[in-house]
N, C-alpha and C. Protein backbone atom coordinates (compact mmCIF):
# COMPACT_ATOMS: atom_id res chain seq x y z
N MET A 1 6.42 -54.75 98.59
CA MET A 1 7.70 -55.06 97.99
C MET A 1 7.65 -54.50 96.89
N LYS A 2 8.78 -53.22 96.73
CA LYS A 2 8.62 -52.77 95.32
C LYS A 2 9.86 -53.26 94.74
N GLN A 3 9.95 -53.49 93.40
CA GLN A 3 11.25 -54.26 92.60
C GLN A 3 11.75 -52.84 91.70
N GLU A 4 12.86 -52.76 91.67
CA GLU A 4 13.27 -51.81 90.90
C GLU A 4 14.20 -52.35 89.67
N GLY A 5 14.21 -52.22 88.44
CA GLY A 5 15.20 -53.06 87.33
C GLY A 5 15.22 -52.02 86.45
N LYS A 6 16.00 -52.50 85.30
CA LYS A 6 16.12 -51.72 84.45
C LYS A 6 15.56 -52.51 83.11
N THR A 7 14.81 -51.62 81.95
CA THR A 7 14.31 -52.17 81.10
C THR A 7 15.27 -52.45 79.83
N LEU A 8 14.55 -53.27 79.28
CA LEU A 8 15.27 -53.77 77.90
C LEU A 8 15.95 -52.68 77.07
N THR A 9 15.12 -51.46 76.62
CA THR A 9 15.69 -50.39 76.05
C THR A 9 16.83 -49.46 76.97
N GLU A 10 16.79 -49.56 78.02
CA GLU A 10 17.92 -48.84 78.82
C GLU A 10 18.93 -49.65 78.45
N LEU A 11 18.89 -51.01 78.55
CA LEU A 11 20.16 -51.71 78.39
C LEU A 11 20.44 -51.80 76.91
N MET A 12 19.82 -51.74 76.17
CA MET A 12 19.99 -51.47 74.60
C MET A 12 20.76 -50.18 74.31
N VAL A 13 20.36 -49.20 75.01
CA VAL A 13 20.70 -47.66 75.03
C VAL A 13 22.57 -47.83 75.15
N VAL A 14 22.80 -48.33 76.27
CA VAL A 14 23.96 -48.24 77.20
C VAL A 14 25.05 -49.44 76.04
N VAL A 15 24.57 -50.34 75.49
CA VAL A 15 25.28 -51.21 74.57
C VAL A 15 25.60 -50.35 73.37
N ALA A 16 24.63 -49.52 72.90
CA ALA A 16 24.86 -48.87 71.69
C ALA A 16 25.77 -47.89 72.02
N ILE A 17 26.05 -47.32 73.07
CA ILE A 17 27.00 -46.09 73.43
C ILE A 17 28.08 -46.85 73.69
N ILE A 18 28.42 -48.07 74.30
CA ILE A 18 29.47 -48.83 73.99
C ILE A 18 30.03 -48.98 72.91
N GLY A 19 29.16 -49.46 72.07
CA GLY A 19 29.99 -49.99 70.73
C GLY A 19 30.34 -48.58 69.90
N LEU A 20 29.51 -47.56 69.91
CA LEU A 20 29.76 -46.26 69.54
C LEU A 20 31.39 -45.72 70.15
N VAL A 21 31.67 -45.87 70.95
CA VAL A 21 32.90 -45.59 71.73
C VAL A 21 34.06 -46.44 71.07
N ALA A 22 33.44 -47.53 71.29
CA ALA A 22 34.76 -48.77 70.80
C ALA A 22 35.03 -48.50 69.39
N THR A 23 33.84 -48.23 68.34
CA THR A 23 34.21 -47.96 66.92
C THR A 23 35.31 -46.56 66.71
N MET A 24 34.97 -45.92 67.72
CA MET A 24 35.68 -44.48 67.65
C MET A 24 37.21 -44.79 67.96
N ALA A 25 37.48 -45.88 68.79
CA ALA A 25 38.84 -46.12 69.68
C ALA A 25 39.45 -46.87 68.79
N VAL A 26 38.87 -47.79 67.78
CA VAL A 26 39.92 -48.78 67.10
C VAL A 26 41.03 -48.15 66.24
N PRO A 27 40.41 -47.08 65.49
CA PRO A 27 41.53 -46.51 64.35
C PRO A 27 42.72 -46.19 65.25
N ASN A 28 42.58 -45.42 66.44
CA ASN A 28 43.83 -44.75 67.23
C ASN A 28 44.38 -45.80 67.74
N TYR A 29 43.66 -46.83 68.07
CA TYR A 29 44.34 -48.06 68.88
C TYR A 29 45.28 -48.69 67.78
N SER A 30 45.03 -48.90 66.60
CA SER A 30 46.13 -49.58 65.64
C SER A 30 47.09 -48.87 65.10
N ILE A 31 46.82 -47.35 65.35
CA ILE A 31 48.06 -46.45 65.01
C ILE A 31 48.67 -46.43 66.14
N PHE A 32 48.34 -46.39 67.16
CA PHE A 32 49.18 -46.64 68.26
C PHE A 32 50.12 -47.74 68.40
N ASN A 33 49.19 -49.17 68.08
CA ASN A 33 49.71 -50.45 67.86
C ASN A 33 50.84 -50.38 66.70
N SER A 34 50.76 -49.66 65.88
CA SER A 34 51.81 -49.70 64.70
C SER A 34 53.10 -49.12 65.05
N ARG A 35 52.80 -47.88 66.06
CA ARG A 35 53.81 -47.15 66.14
C ARG A 35 54.65 -47.79 67.43
N THR A 36 54.16 -48.23 68.27
CA THR A 36 54.64 -49.38 69.27
C THR A 36 55.72 -50.29 68.74
N GLN A 37 54.95 -50.75 67.52
CA GLN A 37 55.77 -52.03 67.03
C GLN A 37 57.12 -51.65 66.35
N VAL A 38 56.87 -50.72 65.67
CA VAL A 38 57.92 -50.08 64.84
C VAL A 38 59.15 -49.55 65.91
N ARG A 39 58.64 -49.04 66.90
CA ARG A 39 59.59 -48.47 67.93
C ARG A 39 60.38 -49.74 68.77
N CYS A 40 59.34 -50.84 69.18
CA CYS A 40 60.17 -51.90 69.80
C CYS A 40 61.10 -52.35 68.54
N THR A 41 60.70 -52.86 67.42
CA THR A 41 62.08 -53.67 66.34
C THR A 41 62.95 -52.73 66.47
N ILE A 42 62.91 -51.35 65.90
CA ILE A 42 63.85 -50.37 66.50
C ILE A 42 64.89 -50.46 67.14
N GLU A 43 64.35 -50.71 68.55
CA GLU A 43 65.09 -50.83 70.05
C GLU A 43 65.95 -52.16 69.70
N GLU A 44 65.14 -53.17 69.41
CA GLU A 44 65.84 -54.72 69.25
C GLU A 44 67.04 -54.68 68.22
N ILE A 45 66.64 -53.95 66.90
CA ILE A 45 67.80 -53.80 66.07
C ILE A 45 69.28 -52.81 66.62
N ALA A 46 68.58 -51.73 67.54
CA ALA A 46 69.70 -51.05 67.94
C ALA A 46 70.28 -51.77 68.88
N SER A 47 69.91 -52.62 69.68
CA SER A 47 70.30 -53.63 70.65
C SER A 47 71.14 -54.58 70.08
N GLU A 48 70.98 -55.17 69.00
CA GLU A 48 71.82 -56.18 68.03
C GLU A 48 73.13 -55.50 67.72
N LEU A 49 72.87 -54.27 67.34
CA LEU A 49 74.28 -53.68 66.42
C LEU A 49 75.09 -53.41 68.15
N ARG A 50 74.45 -52.92 68.89
CA ARG A 50 75.09 -52.46 69.99
C ARG A 50 75.76 -53.92 70.84
N LEU A 51 75.33 -55.08 70.71
CA LEU A 51 75.73 -56.60 71.25
C LEU A 51 77.13 -56.75 70.12
N ALA A 52 76.81 -56.65 69.29
CA ALA A 52 77.92 -56.56 67.98
C ALA A 52 79.10 -55.97 68.34
N ARG A 53 78.96 -54.54 68.78
CA ARG A 53 80.39 -53.63 69.00
C ARG A 53 80.66 -54.32 70.26
N GLN A 54 79.71 -54.71 71.20
CA GLN A 54 80.54 -54.91 72.46
C GLN A 54 81.11 -56.19 72.13
N LEU A 55 80.89 -57.33 71.59
CA LEU A 55 81.66 -58.52 71.27
C LEU A 55 82.87 -58.15 70.64
N ALA A 56 82.81 -57.50 69.31
CA ALA A 56 84.17 -56.96 68.71
C ALA A 56 85.11 -56.66 69.54
N MET A 57 84.77 -55.69 70.40
CA MET A 57 85.70 -55.05 71.51
C MET A 57 86.13 -56.06 72.88
N THR A 58 85.18 -57.15 73.17
CA THR A 58 85.46 -58.01 74.09
C THR A 58 86.58 -59.10 73.72
N TYR A 59 86.29 -59.82 72.27
CA TYR A 59 86.89 -60.86 71.99
C TYR A 59 88.14 -60.26 71.15
N ARG A 60 88.38 -59.05 71.02
CA ARG A 60 89.23 -58.73 69.94
C ARG A 60 88.98 -59.07 68.55
N ASP A 61 88.09 -59.03 67.92
CA ASP A 61 87.84 -59.60 66.70
C ASP A 61 86.79 -58.79 66.00
N ARG A 62 86.78 -58.44 64.67
CA ARG A 62 85.91 -57.79 63.66
C ARG A 62 84.55 -58.71 63.80
N VAL A 63 83.59 -57.91 64.16
CA VAL A 63 82.28 -58.69 64.07
C VAL A 63 81.52 -58.17 62.92
N ARG A 64 80.69 -58.69 62.18
CA ARG A 64 79.93 -58.06 61.32
C ARG A 64 78.11 -58.41 61.47
N ILE A 65 77.42 -57.56 61.15
CA ILE A 65 76.36 -57.91 61.09
C ILE A 65 75.64 -57.72 59.60
N VAL A 66 74.94 -58.68 59.33
CA VAL A 66 74.52 -59.05 57.80
C VAL A 66 72.94 -58.63 58.16
N VAL A 67 72.59 -57.59 56.96
CA VAL A 67 71.22 -57.45 56.93
C VAL A 67 70.55 -58.25 55.79
N ASP A 68 69.68 -58.82 55.85
CA ASP A 68 69.14 -60.17 54.59
C ASP A 68 67.55 -59.18 54.49
N LEU A 69 67.57 -58.67 53.84
CA LEU A 69 66.08 -58.22 53.54
C LEU A 69 64.88 -59.22 53.25
N GLU A 70 65.60 -60.08 52.26
CA GLU A 70 64.59 -61.29 52.28
C GLU A 70 64.13 -62.29 53.22
N GLN A 71 65.01 -62.65 53.81
CA GLN A 71 64.90 -63.50 55.01
C GLN A 71 64.41 -62.70 56.32
N GLN A 72 64.35 -61.42 56.22
CA GLN A 72 63.85 -60.52 57.20
C GLN A 72 64.82 -60.63 58.76
N ALA A 73 65.91 -61.08 58.37
CA ALA A 73 67.08 -60.96 59.58
C ALA A 73 68.18 -60.34 59.59
N LEU A 74 68.89 -59.98 60.91
CA LEU A 74 70.03 -59.71 60.98
C LEU A 74 70.79 -60.86 61.80
N THR A 75 72.21 -61.05 60.99
CA THR A 75 73.27 -62.28 61.48
C THR A 75 74.26 -61.41 61.87
N THR A 76 74.68 -61.92 63.13
CA THR A 76 75.88 -61.38 63.84
C THR A 76 76.73 -62.63 63.53
N GLN A 77 78.02 -62.17 63.18
CA GLN A 77 78.98 -63.13 62.71
C GLN A 77 80.59 -62.49 63.12
N PHE A 78 81.48 -63.61 63.68
CA PHE A 78 82.53 -63.23 63.80
C PHE A 78 83.54 -63.24 62.49
N VAL A 79 84.46 -62.25 61.93
CA VAL A 79 84.72 -62.30 60.82
C VAL A 79 85.84 -63.21 60.70
N ASN A 80 87.09 -63.08 61.48
CA ASN A 80 88.05 -64.08 61.65
C ASN A 80 87.86 -65.35 61.85
N ALA A 81 87.00 -65.92 63.12
CA ALA A 81 86.62 -66.98 63.34
C ALA A 81 85.90 -67.85 62.51
N ALA A 82 85.08 -66.93 61.11
CA ALA A 82 84.13 -67.46 60.42
C ALA A 82 82.79 -68.14 61.09
N THR A 83 82.47 -67.62 62.18
CA THR A 83 81.28 -68.43 62.88
C THR A 83 80.23 -67.15 63.12
N THR A 84 79.09 -67.73 63.31
CA THR A 84 77.98 -67.00 63.56
C THR A 84 77.46 -66.94 64.71
N HIS A 85 77.29 -65.77 65.43
CA HIS A 85 77.21 -65.80 66.91
C HIS A 85 75.18 -66.13 67.07
N HIS A 86 74.81 -65.34 66.47
CA HIS A 86 73.36 -65.54 66.46
C HIS A 86 72.56 -64.61 65.21
N ALA A 87 71.39 -64.81 65.03
CA ALA A 87 70.37 -64.17 64.30
C ALA A 87 69.30 -63.74 64.86
N TYR A 88 68.87 -62.58 64.53
CA TYR A 88 67.73 -61.82 64.88
C TYR A 88 66.79 -61.76 63.75
N HIS A 89 65.52 -62.29 63.62
CA HIS A 89 64.44 -62.44 62.74
C HIS A 89 63.40 -61.39 63.25
N TYR A 90 63.32 -60.39 62.68
CA TYR A 90 62.01 -59.08 62.57
C TYR A 90 61.12 -59.63 61.61
N GLY A 91 60.92 -60.75 60.75
CA GLY A 91 59.99 -60.93 59.79
C GLY A 91 58.67 -61.47 60.97
N GLY A 92 57.49 -60.91 60.42
CA GLY A 92 56.16 -60.92 60.86
C GLY A 92 55.96 -60.14 62.29
N LYS A 93 56.25 -58.88 62.08
CA LYS A 93 56.37 -58.16 63.36
C LYS A 93 55.47 -56.61 62.54
N GLY A 94 55.59 -57.14 61.22
CA GLY A 94 54.65 -55.95 60.42
C GLY A 94 55.32 -54.48 60.04
N VAL A 95 56.82 -55.01 59.92
CA VAL A 95 57.38 -53.81 59.68
C VAL A 95 58.77 -54.05 58.44
N VAL A 96 59.07 -53.11 57.67
CA VAL A 96 60.17 -53.24 56.63
C VAL A 96 61.19 -52.56 56.73
N ILE A 97 62.22 -52.83 56.45
CA ILE A 97 63.65 -52.27 56.71
C ILE A 97 64.08 -52.13 55.28
N GLU A 98 64.35 -50.75 54.99
CA GLU A 98 64.86 -50.60 53.52
C GLU A 98 66.60 -50.77 53.63
N GLU A 99 66.81 -51.03 52.57
CA GLU A 99 68.31 -51.20 52.38
C GLU A 99 69.38 -50.41 53.27
N PRO A 100 70.07 -50.41 54.00
CA PRO A 100 70.87 -49.60 54.77
C PRO A 100 71.86 -48.75 53.65
N SER A 101 72.03 -47.57 54.15
CA SER A 101 72.71 -46.83 53.57
C SER A 101 74.34 -47.35 53.23
N GLY A 102 74.80 -47.81 54.12
CA GLY A 102 76.24 -48.32 53.88
C GLY A 102 76.31 -49.66 53.19
N GLY A 103 75.38 -50.31 52.63
CA GLY A 103 75.14 -51.26 52.07
C GLY A 103 74.72 -52.60 53.12
N PRO A 104 74.55 -53.96 52.77
CA PRO A 104 73.87 -55.05 53.85
C PRO A 104 74.63 -55.43 54.94
N GLU A 105 76.21 -55.01 54.90
CA GLU A 105 76.91 -55.44 56.06
C GLU A 105 77.39 -54.48 56.80
N ILE A 106 77.24 -54.50 57.94
CA ILE A 106 77.97 -53.55 59.36
C ILE A 106 78.72 -54.13 59.77
N LEU A 107 80.02 -53.76 59.66
CA LEU A 107 81.41 -54.13 60.38
C LEU A 107 81.80 -53.39 61.44
N PHE A 108 82.06 -53.76 62.57
CA PHE A 108 82.84 -53.27 63.77
C PHE A 108 84.12 -54.21 64.07
N HIS A 109 84.84 -52.84 64.16
CA HIS A 109 86.40 -53.34 64.63
C HIS A 109 86.64 -53.52 66.08
N PRO A 110 87.75 -54.42 66.73
CA PRO A 110 87.90 -54.22 67.77
C PRO A 110 88.05 -52.93 68.79
N SER A 111 88.59 -52.10 67.82
CA SER A 111 88.31 -50.81 68.75
C SER A 111 86.97 -50.55 69.19
N GLY A 112 86.07 -51.00 68.34
CA GLY A 112 84.65 -50.49 68.68
C GLY A 112 84.04 -49.66 67.53
N ARG A 113 84.92 -49.25 66.49
CA ARG A 113 84.59 -47.86 65.85
C ARG A 113 83.66 -49.25 64.44
N SER A 114 83.02 -48.34 63.88
CA SER A 114 82.53 -48.95 62.52
C SER A 114 83.19 -48.53 61.29
N ALA A 115 83.08 -49.84 60.38
CA ALA A 115 83.61 -49.17 59.17
C ALA A 115 83.63 -48.27 58.26
N SER A 116 82.03 -48.19 58.25
CA SER A 116 81.75 -47.27 57.60
C SER A 116 80.39 -46.65 58.27
N PRO A 117 79.93 -45.20 58.17
CA PRO A 117 78.51 -44.86 59.04
C PRO A 117 77.52 -45.61 58.43
N THR A 118 76.45 -45.72 58.60
CA THR A 118 75.08 -46.38 57.97
C THR A 118 73.94 -45.91 58.90
N THR A 119 72.92 -45.75 57.88
CA THR A 119 71.35 -45.37 58.40
C THR A 119 70.67 -46.33 58.08
N ILE A 120 69.70 -46.78 59.01
CA ILE A 120 68.83 -47.88 58.69
C ILE A 120 67.39 -47.34 59.17
N GLN A 121 66.47 -47.36 58.14
CA GLN A 121 65.32 -46.88 57.89
C GLN A 121 64.15 -48.03 57.94
N LEU A 122 63.19 -47.88 59.16
CA LEU A 122 62.17 -48.89 59.59
C LEU A 122 60.64 -48.58 59.31
N HIS A 123 60.12 -49.34 58.67
CA HIS A 123 58.63 -48.74 58.23
C HIS A 123 57.70 -49.63 58.54
N SER A 124 56.61 -49.43 58.99
CA SER A 124 55.61 -50.13 59.18
C SER A 124 54.39 -50.14 58.14
N LEU A 125 53.61 -51.04 58.17
CA LEU A 125 52.76 -51.29 56.81
C LEU A 125 51.71 -50.13 57.00
N GLU A 126 51.41 -49.14 58.01
CA GLU A 126 50.62 -48.05 58.19
C GLU A 126 51.28 -46.84 58.13
N GLY A 127 52.33 -47.30 57.76
CA GLY A 127 53.35 -45.89 57.20
C GLY A 127 54.36 -45.12 58.29
N GLN A 128 54.20 -45.87 59.56
CA GLN A 128 55.04 -45.32 60.54
C GLN A 128 56.48 -45.54 60.28
N THR A 129 57.43 -44.51 60.46
CA THR A 129 58.73 -44.89 59.90
C THR A 129 59.76 -44.35 61.03
N GLN A 130 60.69 -45.09 61.59
CA GLN A 130 61.74 -44.84 62.45
C GLN A 130 62.98 -44.96 61.84
N GLN A 131 64.49 -44.23 62.14
CA GLN A 131 65.75 -44.32 61.66
C GLN A 131 66.45 -44.46 62.95
N LEU A 132 67.48 -45.28 62.50
CA LEU A 132 68.66 -45.57 63.56
C LEU A 132 70.01 -45.18 62.45
N THR A 133 70.95 -44.87 63.02
CA THR A 133 72.19 -44.33 62.66
C THR A 133 73.27 -45.27 63.03
N VAL A 134 74.41 -45.79 62.67
CA VAL A 134 75.46 -46.22 63.18
C VAL A 134 76.64 -45.04 62.88
N SER A 135 77.23 -44.21 63.47
CA SER A 135 78.31 -43.65 63.31
C SER A 135 79.90 -44.22 63.13
N ILE A 136 80.71 -43.63 62.64
CA ILE A 136 82.19 -44.15 62.21
C ILE A 136 82.66 -44.27 63.31
N THR A 137 82.37 -44.09 64.73
CA THR A 137 82.87 -43.88 65.99
C THR A 137 82.17 -45.52 66.58
N GLY A 138 81.17 -46.26 66.03
CA GLY A 138 80.54 -47.22 66.33
C GLY A 138 79.26 -47.07 67.27
N ARG A 139 79.02 -45.84 67.50
CA ARG A 139 78.08 -45.35 68.33
C ARG A 139 76.43 -45.52 67.49
N VAL A 140 75.43 -46.09 68.31
CA VAL A 140 74.13 -46.55 67.96
C VAL A 140 73.17 -45.47 68.22
N SER A 141 72.50 -44.73 67.22
CA SER A 141 71.59 -43.26 68.03
C SER A 141 70.36 -43.83 66.89
N LEU A 142 69.42 -43.53 67.71
CA LEU A 142 67.83 -43.81 67.59
C LEU A 142 67.49 -42.27 67.06
N LEU A 143 66.65 -41.77 66.09
CA LEU A 143 66.45 -40.67 65.78
C LEU A 143 64.67 -40.67 65.78
């Protein structure tokens, strides 16, 4: 009866090759993860803005989103009722929002129009950038 097996040397060579491939893949994975995190966060912010516009049209009330850079949150509020609908926290996701071009408040009228056009830029800690715009018509676009 003949037994065939692998030697310790062959096993160590396979482990070394797997380690080398994994070492080369880690930087690409972190770049991919950073890009995905920025993209997901900007899509969530766009969704919050679209929801605010829809709330303004549905409830026939002005709705504003306040961008709080220190608390890393977006707060949706009804203007006339002076109530907060909800808050979205993007802190802990490894992204930073620059001051929106139209100021820290984005206001939607009951017609769905925005009070002023705004551009929001999002940056990851690794340098990935994504941009979102709110037009005067209230349309939210990802660039």
